């Protein structure tokens, strides 16, 4: 039996698309893939790349890691708490996209510091760690310039 569970991925994507009340064509356009290609993924005929899954996840506003596990890109048994933590951060509607990315970068740095790696198996960590504020402040503006001096 093949280790890929692409049919399960397709069923899951179809369910998520319907929950989001999107047509196949609307999702394909939002994800930047062709309508026939997305249809083939949903029917279990194609195995999408991690990049395509990330685009689809972003369009559906769901966790890319969940799609990676369903597609067999990430091991389902591999640190489920990490996937759940990332999904919770990404799903939080009270955080801006910038805050979510910074929080995930900080989380990943703590995991690496504690010897739990993270991106070594091709998993893309959104954003560039160099974008994280050095002073630990998390804001939703890219115009943070660091500590400011005041006269007095």
C-alpha atoms as a PDB file:
ATOM      1  CA  UNK A   1       0.000   0.000   0.000  1.00  0.00           C
ATOM      2  CA  UNK A   2       1.322   3.447  -0.901  1.00  0.00           C
ATOM      3  CA  UNK A   3       2.318   5.767   1.928  1.00  0.00           C
ATOM      4  CA  UNK A   4       0.568   8.694   0.249  1.00  0.00           C
ATOM      5  CA  UNK A   5      -2.959   9.463   1.302  1.00  0.00           C
ATOM      6  CA  UNK A   6      -3.766  11.834  -1.524  1.00  0.00           C
ATOM      7  CA  UNK A   7      -7.437  10.789  -1.712  1.00  0.00           C
ATOM      8  CA  UNK A   8      -7.903  11.762   1.926  1.00  0.00           C
ATOM      9  CA  UNK A   9      -6.234  15.093   1.166  1.00  0.00           C
ATOM     10  CA  UNK A  10      -8.612  15.728  -1.724  1.00  0.00           C
ATOM     11  CA  UNK A  11     -11.678  14.939   0.356  1.00  0.00           C
ATOM     12  CA  UNK A  12     -10.412  17.204   3.120  1.00  0.00           C
ATOM     13  CA  UNK A  13      -9.723  20.051   0.673  1.00  0.00           C
ATOM     14  CA  UNK A  14     -13.183  19.706  -0.853  1.00  0.00           C
ATOM     15  CA  UNK A  15     -14.746  19.820   2.611  1.00  0.00           C
ATOM     16  CA  UNK A  16     -12.725  22.902   3.584  1.00  0.00           C
ATOM     17  CA  UNK A  17     -13.563  24.621   0.291  1.00  0.00           C
ATOM     18  CA  UNK A  18     -17.261  23.978   0.794  1.00  0.00           C
ATOM     19  CA  UNK A  19     -17.085  25.177   4.407  1.00  0.00           C
ATOM     20  CA  UNK A  20     -15.508  28.387   3.107  1.00  0.00           C
ATOM     21  CA  UNK A  21     -18.360  28.606   0.575  1.00  0.00           C
ATOM     22  CA  UNK A  22     -15.975  28.824  -2.356  1.00  0.00           C
ATOM     23  CA  UNK A  23     -16.422  27.285  -5.780  1.00  0.00           C
ATOM     24  CA  UNK A  24     -13.602  25.229  -7.228  1.00  0.00           C
ATOM     25  CA  UNK A  25     -12.916  28.061  -9.665  1.00  0.00           C
ATOM     26  CA  UNK A  26     -12.825  30.701  -6.889  1.00  0.00           C
ATOM     27  CA  UNK A  27     -10.380  28.680  -4.806  1.00  0.00           C
ATOM     28  CA  UNK A  28      -8.177  27.937  -7.809  1.00  0.00           C
ATOM     29  CA  UNK A  29      -7.998  31.641  -8.619  1.00  0.00           C
ATOM     30  CA  UNK A  30      -7.296  32.635  -4.998  1.00  0.00           C
ATOM     31  CA  UNK A  31      -4.563  29.995  -4.702  1.00  0.00           C
ATOM     32  CA  UNK A  32      -3.005  30.813  -8.058  1.00  0.00           C
ATOM     33  CA  UNK A  33      -3.447  27.336  -9.558  1.00  0.00           C
ATOM     34  CA  UNK A  34      -5.486  26.143 -12.506  1.00  0.00           C
ATOM     35  CA  UNK A  35      -9.049  24.978 -12.067  1.00  0.00           C
ATOM     36  CA  UNK A  36      -8.391  21.527 -13.660  1.00  0.00           C
ATOM     37  CA  UNK A  37      -5.302  20.987 -11.486  1.00  0.00           C
ATOM     38  CA  UNK A  38      -7.200  21.782  -8.286  1.00  0.00           C
ATOM     39  CA  UNK A  39     -10.007  19.485  -9.415  1.00  0.00           C
ATOM     40  CA  UNK A  40      -7.486  16.661  -9.915  1.00  0.00           C
ATOM     41  CA  UNK A  41      -6.094  17.259  -6.405  1.00  0.00           C
ATOM     42  CA  UNK A  42      -9.587  17.107  -4.906  1.00  0.00           C
ATOM     43  CA  UNK A  43     -10.310  13.854  -6.743  1.00  0.00           C
ATOM     44  CA  UNK A  44      -7.043  12.324  -5.514  1.00  0.00           C
ATOM     45  CA  UNK A  45      -5.467  12.129  -8.967  1.00  0.00           C
ATOM     46  CA  UNK A  46      -2.566  14.500  -8.298  1.00  0.00           C
ATOM     47  CA  UNK A  47      -0.176  14.996  -5.406  1.00  0.00           C
ATOM     48  CA  UNK A  48       0.462  18.720  -5.023  1.00  0.00           C
ATOM     49  CA  UNK A  49       3.792  20.189  -3.977  1.00  0.00           C
ATOM     50  CA  UNK A  50       4.272  21.783  -0.568  1.00  0.00           C
ATOM     51  CA  UNK A  51       4.246  25.173  -2.288  1.00  0.00           C
ATOM     52  CA  UNK A  52       0.853  24.547  -3.899  1.00  0.00           C
ATOM     53  CA  UNK A  53      -0.516  23.269  -0.579  1.00  0.00           C
ATOM     54  CA  UNK A  54       0.724  26.411   1.127  1.00  0.00           C
ATOM     55  CA  UNK A  55      -1.033  28.593  -1.461  1.00  0.00           C
ATOM     56  CA  UNK A  56      -4.271  26.605  -1.103  1.00  0.00           C
ATOM     57  CA  UNK A  57      -4.064  26.738   2.705  1.00  0.00           C
ATOM     58  CA  UNK A  58      -3.580  30.496   2.599  1.00  0.00           C
ATOM     59  CA  UNK A  59      -6.575  30.896   0.273  1.00  0.00           C
ATOM     60  CA  UNK A  60      -8.702  28.739   2.599  1.00  0.00           C
ATOM     61  CA  UNK A  61      -7.259  30.398   5.719  1.00  0.00           C
ATOM     62  CA  UNK A  62      -6.284  27.070   7.228  1.00  0.00           C
ATOM     63  CA  UNK A  63      -3.017  25.593   8.480  1.00  0.00           C
ATOM     64  CA  UNK A  64      -0.582  24.547   5.753  1.00  0.00           C
ATOM     65  CA  UNK A  65       0.924  22.033   8.192  1.00  0.00           C
ATOM     66  CA  UNK A  66      -2.415  20.210   8.393  1.00  0.00           C
ATOM     67  CA  UNK A  67      -2.392  19.862   4.612  1.00  0.00           C
ATOM     68  CA  UNK A  68       1.248  18.703   4.682  1.00  0.00           C
ATOM     69  CA  UNK A  69       0.345  15.926   7.111  1.00  0.00           C
ATOM     70  CA  UNK A  70      -2.678  14.867   5.045  1.00  0.00           C
ATOM     71  CA  UNK A  71      -0.535  14.847   1.881  1.00  0.00           C
ATOM     72  CA  UNK A  72       2.165  12.762   3.557  1.00  0.00           C
ATOM     73  CA  UNK A  73       4.763  15.522   3.367  1.00  0.00           C
ATOM     74  CA  UNK A  74       5.013  15.714   7.155  1.00  0.00           C
ATOM     75  CA  UNK A  75       4.879  12.637   9.331  1.00  0.00           C
ATOM     76  CA  UNK A  76       1.539  12.579  11.148  1.00  0.00           C
ATOM     77  CA  UNK A  77       3.249  11.339  14.286  1.00  0.00           C
ATOM     78  CA  UNK A  78       5.928  14.032  14.140  1.00  0.00           C
ATOM     79  CA  UNK A  79       5.386  16.307  17.049  1.00  0.00           C
ATOM     80  CA  UNK A  80       1.637  16.781  16.755  1.00  0.00           C
ATOM     81  CA  UNK A  81       1.748  19.467  19.424  1.00  0.00           C
ATOM     82  CA  UNK A  82       3.932  21.616  17.155  1.00  0.00           C
ATOM     83  CA  UNK A  83       1.413  21.374  14.320  1.00  0.00           C
ATOM     84  CA  UNK A  84      -1.458  22.144  16.686  1.00  0.00           C
ATOM     85  CA  UNK A  85       0.374  25.120  18.177  1.00  0.00           C
ATOM     86  CA  UNK A  86       1.108  26.551  14.741  1.00  0.00           C
ATOM     87  CA  UNK A  87      -2.491  25.990  13.655  1.00  0.00           C
ATOM     88  CA  UNK A  88      -3.805  27.773  16.755  1.00  0.00           C
ATOM     89  CA  UNK A  89      -1.594  30.793  16.130  1.00  0.00           C
ATOM     90  CA  UNK A  90      -2.536  30.966  12.453  1.00  0.00           C
ATOM     91  CA  UNK A  91      -6.247  30.629  13.239  1.00  0.00           C
ATOM     92  CA  UNK A  92      -6.341  33.402  15.854  1.00  0.00           C
ATOM     93  CA  UNK A  93      -8.464  36.197  14.357  1.00  0.00           C
ATOM     94  CA  UNK A  94      -7.285  38.723  16.951  1.00  0.00           C
ATOM     95  CA  UNK A  95      -3.704  38.742  15.612  1.00  0.00           C
ATOM     96  CA  UNK A  96      -2.508  40.482  12.480  1.00  0.00           C
ATOM     97  CA  UNK A  97      -0.655  38.475   9.836  1.00  0.00           C
ATOM     98  CA  UNK A  98       2.607  40.153  10.882  1.00  0.00           C
ATOM     99  CA  UNK A  99       2.040  39.265  14.545  1.00  0.00           C
ATOM    100  CA  UNK A 100       1.304  35.648  13.606  1.00  0.00           C
ATOM    101  CA  UNK A 101       4.512  35.381  11.586  1.00  0.00           C
ATOM    102  CA  UNK A 102       6.651  36.937  14.330  1.00  0.00           C
ATOM    103  CA  UNK A 103       5.078  34.696  16.962  1.00  0.00           C
ATOM    104  CA  UNK A 104       5.780  31.603  14.840  1.00  0.00           C
ATOM    105  CA  UNK A 105       9.379  32.736  14.335  1.00  0.00           C
ATOM    106  CA  UNK A 106       9.866  33.146  18.078  1.00  0.00           C
ATOM    107  CA  UNK A 107       8.234  29.752  18.709  1.00  0.00           C
ATOM    108  CA  UNK A 108      10.544  28.114  16.154  1.00  0.00           C
ATOM    109  CA  UNK A 109      13.637  29.746  17.683  1.00  0.00           C
ATOM    110  CA  UNK A 110      12.696  28.402  21.127  1.00  0.00           C
ATOM    111  CA  UNK A 111      12.177  24.910  19.673  1.00  0.00           C
ATOM    112  CA  UNK A 112      15.595  25.034  17.989  1.00  0.00           C
ATOM    113  CA  UNK A 113      17.202  26.324  21.183  1.00  0.00           C
ATOM    114  CA  UNK A 114      15.727  23.329  23.012  1.00  0.00           C
ATOM    115  CA  UNK A 115      16.977  20.877  20.359  1.00  0.00           C
ATOM    116  CA  UNK A 116      13.764  20.235  18.464  1.00  0.00           C
ATOM    117  CA  UNK A 117      14.763  21.611  15.044  1.00  0.00           C
ATOM    118  CA  UNK A 118      11.782  22.254  12.809  1.00  0.00           C
ATOM    119  CA  UNK A 119      12.402  23.225   9.206  1.00  0.00           C
ATOM    120  CA  UNK A 120      14.910  20.497   8.368  1.00  0.00           C
ATOM    121  CA  UNK A 121      12.440  18.319   6.454  1.00  0.00           C
ATOM    122  CA  UNK A 122      11.504  20.956   3.914  1.00  0.00           C
ATOM    123  CA  UNK A 123       8.834  22.651   5.995  1.00  0.00           C
ATOM    124  CA  UNK A 124       8.806  26.306   5.144  1.00  0.00           C
ATOM    125  CA  UNK A 125       8.707  28.648   8.095  1.00  0.00           C
ATOM    126  CA  UNK A 126       6.820  31.745   6.951  1.00  0.00           C
ATOM    127  CA  UNK A 127       8.797  34.945   6.840  1.00  0.00           C
ATOM    128  CA  UNK A 128      12.457  35.505   7.469  1.00  0.00           C
ATOM    129  CA  UNK A 129      13.781  35.198  11.031  1.00  0.00           C
ATOM    130  CA  UNK A 130      15.761  38.368  10.370  1.00  0.00           C
ATOM    131  CA  UNK A 131      12.431  40.202  10.182  1.00  0.00           C
ATOM    132  CA  UNK A 132      11.683  39.521  13.851  1.00  0.00           C
ATOM    133  CA  UNK A 133      12.217  42.536  16.081  1.00  0.00           C
ATOM    134  CA  UNK A 134      15.475  42.232  17.992  1.00  0.00           C
ATOM    135  CA  UNK A 135      14.117  43.934  21.081  1.00  0.00           C
ATOM    136  CA  UNK A 136      11.306  41.408  21.524  1.00  0.00           C
ATOM    137  CA  UNK A 137       8.522  43.875  20.725  1.00  0.00           C
ATOM    138  CA  UNK A 138       5.767  42.443  18.608  1.00  0.00           C
ATOM    139  CA  UNK A 139       3.817  44.945  16.594  1.00  0.00           C
ATOM    140  CA  UNK A 140       1.713  44.934  13.489  1.00  0.00           C
ATOM    141  CA  UNK A 141       3.756  47.590  11.769  1.00  0.00           C
ATOM    142  CA  UNK A 142       6.818  47.074   9.621  1.00  0.00           C
ATOM    143  CA  UNK A 143       8.025  50.545  10.595  1.00  0.00           C
ATOM    144  CA  UNK A 144       9.417  49.529  14.003  1.00  0.00           C
ATOM    145  CA  UNK A 145      12.834  51.112  14.255  1.00  0.00           C
ATOM    146  CA  UNK A 146      13.864  49.769  17.638  1.00  0.00           C
ATOM    147  CA  UNK A 147      14.450  51.602  20.900  1.00  0.00           C
ATOM    148  CA  UNK A 148      14.029  55.360  20.810  1.00  0.00           C
ATOM    149  CA  UNK A 149      15.978  57.834  22.858  1.00  0.00           C
ATOM    150  CA  UNK A 150      14.223  60.583  24.675  1.00  0.00           C
ATOM    151  CA  UNK A 151      15.740  63.845  25.763  1.00  0.00           C
ATOM    152  CA  UNK A 152      15.746  64.563  29.368  1.00  0.00           C
END
